[in-house]
Amino acid sequence: MHLFLGFTIAEWGGIIAIGSALITAIYKVAVKPLRDELSNLSRSINSLHESSKTDHSRFDDRLDRHDIRLERHDAELQFLYDKNNLTRRKPGDKE
């Protein structure tokens, strides 16, 4: 009989089979469900990212339109001040 570390070839075969079964069971019970849930979480995060990019783009466009309107109002106010020979207060000036 051939021995390796005190076990025969048949005993080593049994040890390897039991170890493989335990590793497979641990993988199916713990690792695979966890990996599947992390994959679902990753997809959800990617979806949220795409949604937030769309919303951000929409709000950025809206902000640009408001900036244009503010500039237009500023020009109109300046025209009225110039027409009536008035001077505008600078931002931060006290009365």
Protein backbone atom coordinates (compact mmCIF):
# COMPACT_ATOMS: atom_id res chain seq x y z
CA MET A 1 0.00 0.00 0.00
CA HIS A 2 1.13 3.48 -0.83
CA LEU A 3 0.78 6.06 1.93
CA PHE A 4 1.05 9.83 1.77
CA LEU A 5 0.95 11.76 5.05
CA GLY A 6 -0.49 8.66 6.68
CA PHE A 7 -3.44 8.22 4.29
CA THR A 8 -3.91 5.73 1.49
CA ILE A 9 -4.84 6.75 -2.04
CA ALA A 10 -8.45 5.69 -1.42
CA GLU A 11 -8.62 7.79 1.75
CA TRP A 12 -7.17 10.80 -0.12
CA GLY A 13 -9.84 10.31 -2.79
CA GLY A 14 -12.51 10.39 -0.09
CA ILE A 15 -11.01 13.50 1.54
CA ILE A 16 -10.87 15.29 -1.82
CA ALA A 17 -14.48 14.28 -2.64
CA ILE A 18 -15.79 15.51 0.73
CA GLY A 19 -13.78 18.73 0.46
CA SER A 20 -15.09 19.35 -3.06
CA ALA A 21 -18.66 18.73 -1.90
CA LEU A 22 -18.23 21.19 0.99
CA ILE A 23 -16.73 23.86 -1.24
CA THR A 24 -19.53 23.42 -3.80
CA ALA A 25 -22.19 23.61 -1.06
CA ILE A 26 -20.66 26.78 0.39
CA TYR A 27 -20.51 28.32 -3.08
CA LYS A 28 -24.16 27.52 -3.86
CA VAL A 29 -25.44 28.61 -0.44
CA ALA A 30 -23.38 31.71 0.24
CA VAL A 31 -21.35 32.97 -2.70
CA LYS A 32 -23.72 32.60 -5.65
CA PRO A 33 -26.76 34.34 -4.03
CA LEU A 34 -24.51 37.12 -2.79
CA ARG A 35 -23.00 37.57 -6.25
CA ASP A 36 -26.49 37.62 -7.82
CA GLU A 37 -27.69 40.28 -5.37
CA LEU A 38 -24.58 42.39 -5.98
CA SER A 39 -25.22 42.10 -9.70
CA ASN A 40 -28.80 43.32 -9.19
CA LEU A 41 -27.51 46.19 -7.06
CA SER A 42 -25.01 47.12 -9.74
CA ARG A 43 -27.74 47.20 -12.39
CA SER A 44 -29.91 49.37 -10.14
CA ILE A 45 -27.07 51.80 -9.53
CA ASN A 46 -26.37 52.02 -13.26
CA SER A 47 -30.04 52.69 -13.92
CA LEU A 48 -30.11 55.40 -11.27
CA HIS A 49 -26.96 56.94 -12.75
CA GLU A 50 -28.54 57.11 -16.23
CA SER A 51 -31.73 58.58 -14.78
CA SER A 52 -29.83 61.22 -12.82
CA LYS A 53 -27.80 62.15 -15.92
CA THR A 54 -31.06 62.74 -17.81
CA ASP A 55 -32.51 64.82 -14.97
CA HIS A 56 -29.29 66.79 -14.60
CA SER A 57 -29.23 67.55 -18.32
CA ARG A 58 -32.86 68.72 -18.18
CA PHE A 59 -32.20 70.97 -15.19
CA ASP A 60 -29.04 72.33 -16.78
CA ASP A 61 -30.98 73.32 -19.90
CA ARG A 62 -33.65 74.95 -17.76
CA LEU A 63 -31.01 76.84 -15.78
CA ASP A 64 -29.46 78.08 -19.02
CA ARG A 65 -32.84 79.43 -20.14
CA HIS A 66 -33.25 81.22 -16.81
CA ASP A 67 -29.78 82.73 -17.12
CA ILE A 68 -30.71 84.12 -20.54
CA ARG A 69 -33.93 85.58 -19.14
CA LEU A 70 -32.04 87.19 -16.25
CA GLU A 71 -29.53 88.74 -18.66
CA ARG A 72 -32.39 90.04 -20.77
CA HIS A 73 -34.10 91.55 -17.71
CA ASP A 74 -30.83 93.10 -16.61
CA ALA A 75 -30.41 94.72 -20.03
CA GLU A 76 -34.00 95.99 -19.92
CA LEU A 77 -33.50 97.48 -16.46
CA GLN A 78 -30.24 99.11 -17.55
CA PHE A 79 -32.04 100.59 -20.56
CA LEU A 80 -34.73 102.07 -18.28
CA TYR A 81 -32.12 103.49 -15.90
CA ASP A 82 -30.19 105.02 -18.81
CA LYS A 83 -33.37 106.43 -20.38
CA ASN A 84 -34.33 108.17 -17.12
CA ASN A 85 -30.78 109.32 -16.33
CA LEU A 86 -30.58 107.20 -13.18
CA THR A 87 -27.66 105.26 -11.79
CA ARG A 88 -28.03 101.74 -10.56
CA ARG A 89 -26.76 100.64 -7.20
CA LYS A 90 -24.04 98.07 -7.34
CA PRO A 91 -24.69 94.75 -5.61
CA GLY A 92 -23.73 95.04 -1.97
CA ASP A 93 -24.10 98.84 -1.79
CA LYS A 94 -26.06 100.16 1.16
CA GLU A 95 -28.75 102.79 0.83
